[in-house]
N, C-alpha and C. Protein backbone atom coordinates (compact mmCIF):
# COMPACT_ATOMS: atom_id res chain seq x y z
N MET A 1 21.03 3.54 0.86
CA MET A 1 20.13 3.52 -0.26
C MET A 1 20.96 3.25 -1.59
N ARG A 2 22.12 3.77 -1.69
CA ARG A 2 22.86 3.55 -2.97
C ARG A 2 24.09 2.75 -2.56
N TYR A 3 24.70 2.12 -3.58
CA TYR A 3 25.90 1.32 -3.36
C TYR A 3 27.14 2.28 -3.39
N PRO A 4 28.26 1.88 -2.75
CA PRO A 4 29.47 2.70 -2.72
C PRO A 4 29.90 3.00 -4.15
N PRO A 5 30.49 4.02 -4.55
CA PRO A 5 30.94 5.06 -3.56
C PRO A 5 29.84 6.13 -3.29
N ALA A 6 28.72 6.03 -3.88
CA ALA A 6 27.61 7.05 -3.68
C ALA A 6 26.83 6.88 -2.40
N GLY A 7 26.98 5.68 -1.76
CA GLY A 7 26.24 5.44 -0.49
C GLY A 7 26.86 4.27 0.26
N PHE A 8 26.05 3.70 1.16
CA PHE A 8 26.50 2.65 2.06
C PHE A 8 25.55 1.42 1.96
N ARG A 9 24.90 1.20 0.98
CA ARG A 9 23.96 0.13 0.80
C ARG A 9 24.66 -1.26 0.69
N SER A 10 24.05 -2.20 1.46
CA SER A 10 24.65 -3.58 1.38
C SER A 10 24.17 -4.20 0.12
N ASN A 11 24.86 -5.26 -0.35
CA ASN A 11 24.57 -5.96 -1.49
C ASN A 11 23.30 -6.92 -1.39
N GLY A 12 23.25 -7.73 -0.35
CA GLY A 12 22.08 -8.51 -0.14
C GLY A 12 21.69 -9.38 -1.35
N GLN A 13 21.07 -10.60 -1.04
CA GLN A 13 20.74 -11.45 -2.15
C GLN A 13 19.46 -11.07 -2.83
N VAL A 14 18.64 -10.22 -2.30
CA VAL A 14 17.36 -9.88 -2.88
C VAL A 14 17.38 -8.76 -3.99
N ARG A 15 18.57 -8.32 -4.27
CA ARG A 15 18.60 -7.33 -5.35
C ARG A 15 19.20 -7.85 -6.67
N ARG A 16 18.98 -9.12 -6.93
CA ARG A 16 19.58 -9.71 -8.20
C ARG A 16 18.72 -9.28 -9.45
N SER A 17 17.68 -8.54 -9.30
CA SER A 17 16.89 -8.15 -10.41
C SER A 17 17.60 -7.11 -11.33
N TYR A 18 18.62 -6.49 -10.84
CA TYR A 18 19.44 -5.58 -11.59
C TYR A 18 20.68 -6.10 -12.19
N PRO A 19 20.91 -5.72 -13.40
CA PRO A 19 22.22 -6.30 -14.05
C PRO A 19 23.46 -5.80 -13.41
N SER A 20 23.45 -4.65 -12.75
CA SER A 20 24.63 -4.10 -12.06
C SER A 20 24.09 -3.21 -10.92
N HIS A 21 25.10 -2.91 -10.05
CA HIS A 21 24.88 -1.95 -9.01
C HIS A 21 24.54 -0.55 -9.51
N ARG A 22 25.19 -0.16 -10.57
CA ARG A 22 24.99 1.17 -11.13
C ARG A 22 23.45 1.31 -11.58
N ASP A 23 23.02 0.14 -12.26
CA ASP A 23 21.59 0.23 -12.76
C ASP A 23 20.69 0.26 -11.65
N SER A 24 20.93 -0.40 -10.44
CA SER A 24 20.14 -0.33 -9.25
C SER A 24 20.19 1.07 -8.70
N ASP A 25 21.32 1.76 -8.62
CA ASP A 25 21.46 3.10 -8.05
C ASP A 25 20.64 4.10 -8.89
N GLU A 26 20.55 3.92 -10.16
CA GLU A 26 19.84 4.77 -11.00
C GLU A 26 18.36 4.65 -10.87
N ASP A 27 17.83 3.52 -10.24
CA ASP A 27 16.46 3.28 -10.18
C ASP A 27 15.97 3.40 -8.67
N VAL A 28 16.64 4.11 -7.88
CA VAL A 28 16.35 4.22 -6.47
C VAL A 28 15.67 5.64 -6.21
N VAL A 29 14.66 5.65 -5.45
CA VAL A 29 14.04 6.92 -5.04
C VAL A 29 14.04 6.99 -3.55
N CYS A 30 14.40 8.15 -2.95
CA CYS A 30 14.42 8.40 -1.63
C CYS A 30 13.24 9.36 -1.26
N VAL A 31 12.31 8.83 -0.55
CA VAL A 31 11.08 9.59 -0.16
C VAL A 31 11.12 9.87 1.26
N VAL A 32 11.07 11.15 1.62
CA VAL A 32 11.11 11.55 3.03
C VAL A 32 9.82 12.21 3.47
N MET A 33 9.21 11.71 4.59
CA MET A 33 7.98 12.32 5.06
C MET A 33 8.13 13.38 6.06
N ILE A 34 7.58 14.47 5.79
CA ILE A 34 7.54 15.63 6.73
C ILE A 34 6.25 15.64 7.49
N GLU A 35 6.26 15.25 8.73
CA GLU A 35 4.97 15.14 9.50
C GLU A 35 5.10 15.44 10.96
N THR A 36 6.25 16.06 11.42
CA THR A 36 6.47 16.43 12.84
C THR A 36 6.91 17.87 12.86
N VAL A 37 6.86 18.43 13.99
CA VAL A 37 7.41 19.82 14.29
C VAL A 37 8.92 19.83 13.81
N VAL A 38 9.65 18.92 14.23
CA VAL A 38 11.08 18.88 13.92
C VAL A 38 11.30 18.78 12.45
N GLY A 39 10.58 17.84 11.74
CA GLY A 39 10.63 17.76 10.25
C GLY A 39 10.30 19.01 9.61
N TRP A 40 9.17 19.66 10.08
CA TRP A 40 8.60 20.95 9.45
C TRP A 40 9.71 22.04 9.61
N LYS A 41 10.31 22.05 10.83
CA LYS A 41 11.27 23.27 11.10
C LYS A 41 12.61 22.94 10.23
N ASN A 42 12.79 21.68 9.81
CA ASN A 42 14.07 21.37 9.16
C ASN A 42 13.85 20.99 7.68
N ALA A 43 12.64 21.27 7.08
CA ALA A 43 12.24 20.93 5.79
C ALA A 43 13.33 21.33 4.72
N ASP A 44 13.85 22.62 4.86
CA ASP A 44 14.78 23.05 3.91
C ASP A 44 16.10 22.22 4.02
N ALA A 45 16.55 21.98 5.17
CA ALA A 45 17.78 21.22 5.35
C ALA A 45 17.57 19.81 4.90
N ILE A 46 16.38 19.18 5.12
CA ILE A 46 16.15 17.87 4.77
C ILE A 46 16.09 17.84 3.14
N ALA A 47 15.48 18.70 2.55
CA ALA A 47 15.40 18.82 1.13
C ALA A 47 16.80 19.01 0.38
N ALA A 48 17.68 19.65 1.19
CA ALA A 48 19.06 19.93 0.59
C ALA A 48 19.98 18.74 0.59
N VAL A 49 19.49 17.60 1.32
CA VAL A 49 20.39 16.43 1.49
C VAL A 49 20.46 15.72 0.02
N PRO A 50 21.71 15.56 -0.43
CA PRO A 50 21.93 14.93 -1.74
C PRO A 50 21.23 13.52 -1.68
N GLY A 51 20.50 13.14 -2.75
CA GLY A 51 19.79 11.80 -2.87
C GLY A 51 18.46 11.78 -2.37
N VAL A 52 17.98 12.79 -1.74
CA VAL A 52 16.58 12.88 -1.41
C VAL A 52 15.79 13.37 -2.66
N ASP A 53 14.75 12.61 -3.01
CA ASP A 53 14.02 12.82 -4.35
C ASP A 53 12.66 13.46 -4.05
N VAL A 54 11.99 13.03 -3.07
CA VAL A 54 10.61 13.40 -2.76
C VAL A 54 10.31 13.81 -1.30
N LEU A 55 9.56 14.82 -1.03
CA LEU A 55 9.22 15.20 0.25
C LEU A 55 7.73 15.02 0.29
N ILE A 56 7.30 14.20 1.17
CA ILE A 56 5.78 13.93 1.38
C ILE A 56 5.37 14.75 2.70
N LEU A 57 4.31 15.51 2.52
CA LEU A 57 3.62 16.19 3.59
C LEU A 57 2.65 15.32 4.17
N GLY A 58 2.78 14.91 5.46
CA GLY A 58 1.75 14.07 6.24
C GLY A 58 0.87 15.07 6.95
N PRO A 59 -0.19 15.55 6.38
CA PRO A 59 -0.89 16.67 6.88
C PRO A 59 -1.63 16.44 8.27
N VAL A 60 -2.09 15.29 8.46
CA VAL A 60 -2.83 14.97 9.81
C VAL A 60 -1.84 14.85 10.87
N ASP A 61 -0.73 14.04 10.65
CA ASP A 61 0.25 13.99 11.69
C ASP A 61 0.96 15.27 12.02
N LEU A 62 1.27 16.00 10.93
CA LEU A 62 1.74 17.36 11.09
C LEU A 62 0.91 18.25 11.90
N ALA A 63 -0.48 18.22 11.64
CA ALA A 63 -1.38 19.03 12.50
C ALA A 63 -1.32 18.61 13.93
N LEU A 64 -1.33 17.31 14.15
CA LEU A 64 -1.40 16.80 15.54
C LEU A 64 0.01 17.19 16.21
N SER A 65 1.16 17.12 15.53
CA SER A 65 2.37 17.47 16.11
C SER A 65 2.48 18.99 16.31
N MET A 66 1.90 19.80 15.53
CA MET A 66 1.97 21.32 15.66
C MET A 66 0.91 21.83 16.63
N GLY A 67 -0.04 20.96 16.99
CA GLY A 67 -1.16 21.51 17.81
C GLY A 67 -2.23 22.14 17.02
N TRP A 68 -2.31 22.00 15.77
CA TRP A 68 -3.33 22.57 14.82
C TRP A 68 -4.58 21.72 14.96
N PRO A 69 -5.69 22.13 14.57
CA PRO A 69 -6.86 21.42 14.46
C PRO A 69 -6.55 20.36 13.24
N VAL A 70 -7.11 19.12 13.40
CA VAL A 70 -6.94 18.10 12.38
C VAL A 70 -7.98 18.37 11.25
N ASP A 71 -7.40 18.44 10.05
CA ASP A 71 -8.16 18.82 8.84
C ASP A 71 -8.25 17.61 8.01
N THR A 72 -9.45 16.95 8.00
CA THR A 72 -9.61 15.82 7.09
C THR A 72 -10.24 16.10 5.78
N ALA A 73 -10.47 17.31 5.45
CA ALA A 73 -10.98 17.77 4.22
C ALA A 73 -9.92 18.40 3.28
N GLY A 74 -8.90 18.88 3.96
CA GLY A 74 -7.81 19.46 3.26
C GLY A 74 -8.06 20.90 2.87
N ASP A 75 -9.05 21.60 3.53
CA ASP A 75 -9.35 22.95 3.03
C ASP A 75 -9.10 23.96 4.09
N GLN A 76 -8.56 23.71 5.29
CA GLN A 76 -8.25 24.66 6.38
C GLN A 76 -7.01 25.48 5.93
N PRO A 77 -7.02 26.75 6.42
CA PRO A 77 -5.77 27.55 5.97
C PRO A 77 -4.49 27.04 6.42
N HIS A 78 -4.35 26.40 7.63
CA HIS A 78 -3.08 25.84 8.03
C HIS A 78 -2.67 24.74 7.13
N THR A 79 -3.57 23.85 6.64
CA THR A 79 -3.23 22.72 5.72
C THR A 79 -2.83 23.38 4.32
N LEU A 80 -3.49 24.29 3.82
CA LEU A 80 -3.19 24.87 2.53
C LEU A 80 -1.80 25.64 2.54
N GLU A 81 -1.60 26.31 3.75
CA GLU A 81 -0.28 26.95 3.88
C GLU A 81 0.83 25.96 3.86
N ALA A 82 0.60 24.75 4.65
CA ALA A 82 1.69 23.78 4.60
C ALA A 82 1.92 23.21 3.28
N VAL A 83 0.83 23.04 2.46
CA VAL A 83 0.99 22.61 1.11
C VAL A 83 1.93 23.52 0.31
N HIS A 84 1.51 24.80 0.40
CA HIS A 84 2.25 25.87 -0.29
C HIS A 84 3.70 25.91 0.13
N ARG A 85 3.96 25.84 1.46
CA ARG A 85 5.32 25.89 1.90
C ARG A 85 6.15 24.71 1.41
N LEU A 86 5.56 23.51 1.48
CA LEU A 86 6.29 22.32 1.09
C LEU A 86 6.60 22.41 -0.38
N VAL A 87 5.60 22.89 -1.19
CA VAL A 87 5.97 22.96 -2.59
C VAL A 87 7.13 23.94 -2.91
N GLU A 88 7.10 25.08 -2.18
CA GLU A 88 8.15 26.06 -2.26
C GLU A 88 9.60 25.38 -1.93
N VAL A 89 9.62 24.72 -0.82
CA VAL A 89 10.82 24.00 -0.45
C VAL A 89 11.27 22.99 -1.41
N ALA A 90 10.40 22.23 -1.94
CA ALA A 90 10.69 21.21 -2.84
C ALA A 90 11.24 21.86 -4.15
N GLU A 91 10.58 22.88 -4.64
CA GLU A 91 11.03 23.45 -5.88
C GLU A 91 12.38 24.14 -5.75
N ARG A 92 12.64 24.70 -4.55
CA ARG A 92 13.82 25.47 -4.32
C ARG A 92 15.11 24.50 -4.40
N HIS A 93 14.81 23.22 -4.02
CA HIS A 93 15.86 22.19 -4.00
C HIS A 93 15.71 21.22 -5.17
N GLY A 94 14.82 21.47 -6.07
CA GLY A 94 14.70 20.51 -7.31
C GLY A 94 14.20 19.17 -6.90
N LYS A 95 13.32 19.15 -5.92
CA LYS A 95 12.69 17.93 -5.44
C LYS A 95 11.20 17.84 -5.88
N VAL A 96 10.59 16.66 -5.69
CA VAL A 96 9.19 16.49 -5.95
C VAL A 96 8.39 16.70 -4.63
N ALA A 97 7.28 17.38 -4.59
CA ALA A 97 6.43 17.56 -3.49
C ALA A 97 5.16 16.59 -3.68
N ASP A 98 4.87 15.88 -2.50
CA ASP A 98 3.80 14.90 -2.48
C ASP A 98 3.09 15.13 -1.23
N THR A 99 1.77 14.76 -1.29
CA THR A 99 1.01 14.74 -0.11
C THR A 99 -0.13 13.67 -0.24
N PHE A 100 -0.95 13.56 0.79
CA PHE A 100 -2.10 12.57 0.76
C PHE A 100 -3.36 13.39 0.45
N GLY A 101 -4.05 12.80 -0.46
CA GLY A 101 -5.34 13.53 -0.85
C GLY A 101 -6.54 12.98 0.08
N PHE A 102 -7.38 13.90 0.55
CA PHE A 102 -8.54 13.51 1.38
C PHE A 102 -9.67 13.09 0.60
N ASN A 103 -9.86 13.63 -0.56
CA ASN A 103 -11.06 13.45 -1.47
C ASN A 103 -10.65 13.95 -2.84
N GLU A 104 -11.48 13.63 -3.80
CA GLU A 104 -11.03 14.04 -5.22
C GLU A 104 -10.92 15.51 -5.37
N ALA A 105 -11.80 16.29 -4.68
CA ALA A 105 -11.62 17.78 -4.85
C ALA A 105 -10.30 18.23 -4.18
N HIS A 106 -9.92 17.62 -3.10
CA HIS A 106 -8.56 17.99 -2.52
C HIS A 106 -7.49 17.64 -3.31
N VAL A 107 -7.56 16.44 -3.95
CA VAL A 107 -6.43 16.01 -4.92
C VAL A 107 -6.28 17.05 -5.98
N GLN A 108 -7.38 17.48 -6.56
CA GLN A 108 -7.27 18.47 -7.61
C GLN A 108 -6.71 19.81 -7.06
N ALA A 109 -7.15 20.21 -5.98
CA ALA A 109 -6.82 21.45 -5.30
C ALA A 109 -5.29 21.51 -5.07
N VAL A 110 -4.70 20.45 -4.52
CA VAL A 110 -3.26 20.40 -4.27
C VAL A 110 -2.50 20.28 -5.50
N LEU A 111 -2.86 19.60 -6.50
CA LEU A 111 -2.25 19.56 -7.76
C LEU A 111 -2.16 20.90 -8.32
N GLU A 112 -3.19 21.64 -8.24
CA GLU A 112 -3.25 23.04 -8.80
C GLU A 112 -2.33 23.90 -7.91
N ARG A 113 -2.06 23.69 -6.74
CA ARG A 113 -1.24 24.44 -5.80
C ARG A 113 0.18 24.09 -5.95
N GLY A 114 0.56 23.17 -6.80
CA GLY A 114 1.94 22.88 -7.21
C GLY A 114 2.50 21.45 -6.73
N MET A 115 1.67 20.73 -6.04
CA MET A 115 2.13 19.33 -5.65
C MET A 115 2.25 18.58 -6.99
N ARG A 116 3.30 17.83 -7.09
CA ARG A 116 3.47 17.04 -8.30
C ARG A 116 3.03 15.62 -8.18
N TRP A 117 2.91 15.14 -6.92
CA TRP A 117 2.30 13.71 -6.76
C TRP A 117 1.29 13.95 -5.67
N VAL A 118 0.27 13.15 -5.71
CA VAL A 118 -0.70 13.06 -4.61
C VAL A 118 -1.17 11.57 -4.44
N THR A 119 -0.94 11.12 -3.31
CA THR A 119 -1.39 9.69 -2.98
C THR A 119 -2.79 9.76 -2.42
N TYR A 120 -3.70 8.96 -3.10
CA TYR A 120 -5.03 8.93 -2.73
C TYR A 120 -5.63 7.56 -3.06
N ASN A 121 -6.19 6.94 -2.02
CA ASN A 121 -6.87 5.63 -2.36
C ASN A 121 -5.96 4.66 -3.05
N ASP A 122 -4.74 4.51 -2.63
CA ASP A 122 -3.81 3.59 -3.26
C ASP A 122 -3.40 3.93 -4.68
N PHE A 123 -3.75 5.18 -5.15
CA PHE A 123 -3.25 5.68 -6.35
C PHE A 123 -2.26 6.75 -6.28
N LEU A 124 -1.40 6.90 -7.16
CA LEU A 124 -0.42 8.00 -7.25
C LEU A 124 -0.84 8.87 -8.35
N TYR A 125 -1.34 10.08 -8.06
CA TYR A 125 -1.67 11.02 -9.15
C TYR A 125 -0.45 11.81 -9.45
N VAL A 126 -0.03 11.89 -10.77
CA VAL A 126 1.11 12.55 -11.18
C VAL A 126 0.59 13.85 -11.85
N ALA A 127 1.22 14.96 -11.52
CA ALA A 127 0.71 16.23 -12.00
C ALA A 127 1.01 16.41 -13.43
N ASP A 128 2.03 15.89 -13.92
CA ASP A 128 2.36 16.10 -15.31
C ASP A 128 2.14 14.90 -16.23
N ARG A 129 0.99 14.70 -16.53
CA ARG A 129 0.36 13.63 -17.39
C ARG A 129 1.15 13.34 -18.63
N GLN A 130 1.55 14.51 -19.43
CA GLN A 130 2.22 14.37 -20.66
C GLN A 130 3.60 13.89 -20.43
N GLN A 131 4.30 14.20 -19.39
CA GLN A 131 5.63 13.64 -19.12
C GLN A 131 5.48 12.15 -18.82
N TYR A 132 4.45 11.74 -18.08
CA TYR A 132 4.32 10.37 -17.80
C TYR A 132 3.93 9.48 -19.06
N GLN A 133 3.08 10.07 -19.90
CA GLN A 133 2.68 9.29 -21.12
C GLN A 133 3.82 9.27 -22.14
N SER A 134 4.61 10.30 -22.12
CA SER A 134 5.66 10.34 -23.11
C SER A 134 6.84 9.41 -22.69
N GLY A 135 6.91 8.93 -21.51
CA GLY A 135 7.92 8.02 -21.15
C GLY A 135 9.17 8.82 -20.54
N ASN A 136 9.05 10.14 -20.36
CA ASN A 136 10.10 10.91 -19.81
C ASN A 136 10.19 10.88 -18.27
N VAL A 137 9.35 10.15 -17.62
CA VAL A 137 9.36 10.11 -16.15
C VAL A 137 10.22 8.85 -15.75
N ALA A 138 11.07 9.05 -14.77
CA ALA A 138 12.07 7.97 -14.41
C ALA A 138 11.32 6.68 -14.05
N SER A 139 11.88 5.52 -14.37
CA SER A 139 11.17 4.27 -14.19
C SER A 139 10.64 3.99 -12.85
N TRP A 140 11.29 4.58 -11.82
CA TRP A 140 10.81 4.38 -10.43
C TRP A 140 9.47 4.84 -10.15
N LYS A 141 8.98 6.02 -10.86
CA LYS A 141 7.70 6.48 -10.64
C LYS A 141 6.70 5.51 -11.16
N ASN A 142 6.97 4.65 -11.97
CA ASN A 142 5.98 3.65 -12.47
C ASN A 142 5.76 2.49 -11.64
N ARG A 143 6.50 2.34 -10.65
CA ARG A 143 6.45 1.16 -9.71
C ARG A 143 5.35 1.20 -8.71
N PHE A 144 4.65 2.34 -8.64
CA PHE A 144 3.52 2.54 -7.64
C PHE A 144 2.33 1.72 -8.11
N THR A 145 1.44 1.45 -7.25
CA THR A 145 0.37 0.54 -7.49
C THR A 145 -0.47 0.92 -8.75
N ALA A 146 -0.73 2.24 -8.97
CA ALA A 146 -1.45 2.60 -10.14
C ALA A 146 -1.19 4.09 -10.34
N VAL A 147 -1.12 4.45 -11.61
CA VAL A 147 -0.89 5.90 -11.92
C VAL A 147 -1.95 6.27 -12.85
N PRO A 148 -3.08 6.92 -12.33
CA PRO A 148 -4.17 7.39 -13.29
C PRO A 148 -3.51 8.19 -14.32
N GLY A 149 -3.95 8.12 -15.59
CA GLY A 149 -3.30 8.84 -16.63
C GLY A 149 -2.69 7.84 -17.68
N ALA A 150 -2.20 6.71 -17.07
CA ALA A 150 -1.53 5.70 -17.93
C ALA A 150 -2.65 5.15 -18.87
N GLU A 151 -3.80 5.00 -18.52
CA GLU A 151 -4.86 4.34 -19.38
C GLU A 151 -5.85 5.44 -19.84
N GLY A 152 -5.49 6.76 -19.74
CA GLY A 152 -6.35 7.79 -20.11
C GLY A 152 -7.21 8.41 -19.07
N GLU A 153 -7.19 7.77 -17.84
CA GLU A 153 -7.98 8.36 -16.70
C GLU A 153 -7.14 9.22 -15.96
N TYR A 154 -7.60 10.34 -15.62
CA TYR A 154 -6.84 11.30 -14.77
C TYR A 154 -7.86 12.33 -14.09
N PRO A 155 -7.48 12.59 -12.86
CA PRO A 155 -8.41 13.47 -12.16
C PRO A 155 -8.54 14.88 -12.74
């Protein structure tokens, strides 16, 4: 992901949009999806890895992997507990917690439970709108397809 000495990324010809390797390294985000029993059991260890920035909860695949009922509304106790635990893990390690929203009510509910990003219908909902609007959010967060709040719209 990053160039030496911070990592083992190759140079490649497609990375010419950055003036230097250092500039490229500063604009990289490492997003790790937690959606299996193994990932769930090792969430703390995964979050502790230097360079990991975001932990995404894959709630449906996690449910399938864990043998839980699939929750496509996001309101079942096991899903809400998974959201709560991932938020705790992310906060403990200074990472961002993200999940997928099932509907607008679910997006709002998980933001209120501490998720800082929620991906829903190809939009990335950012929990801290003021940080986004003030420009204090790292540039890589702005590269997603759309960030409601940028134009005054926000769930």
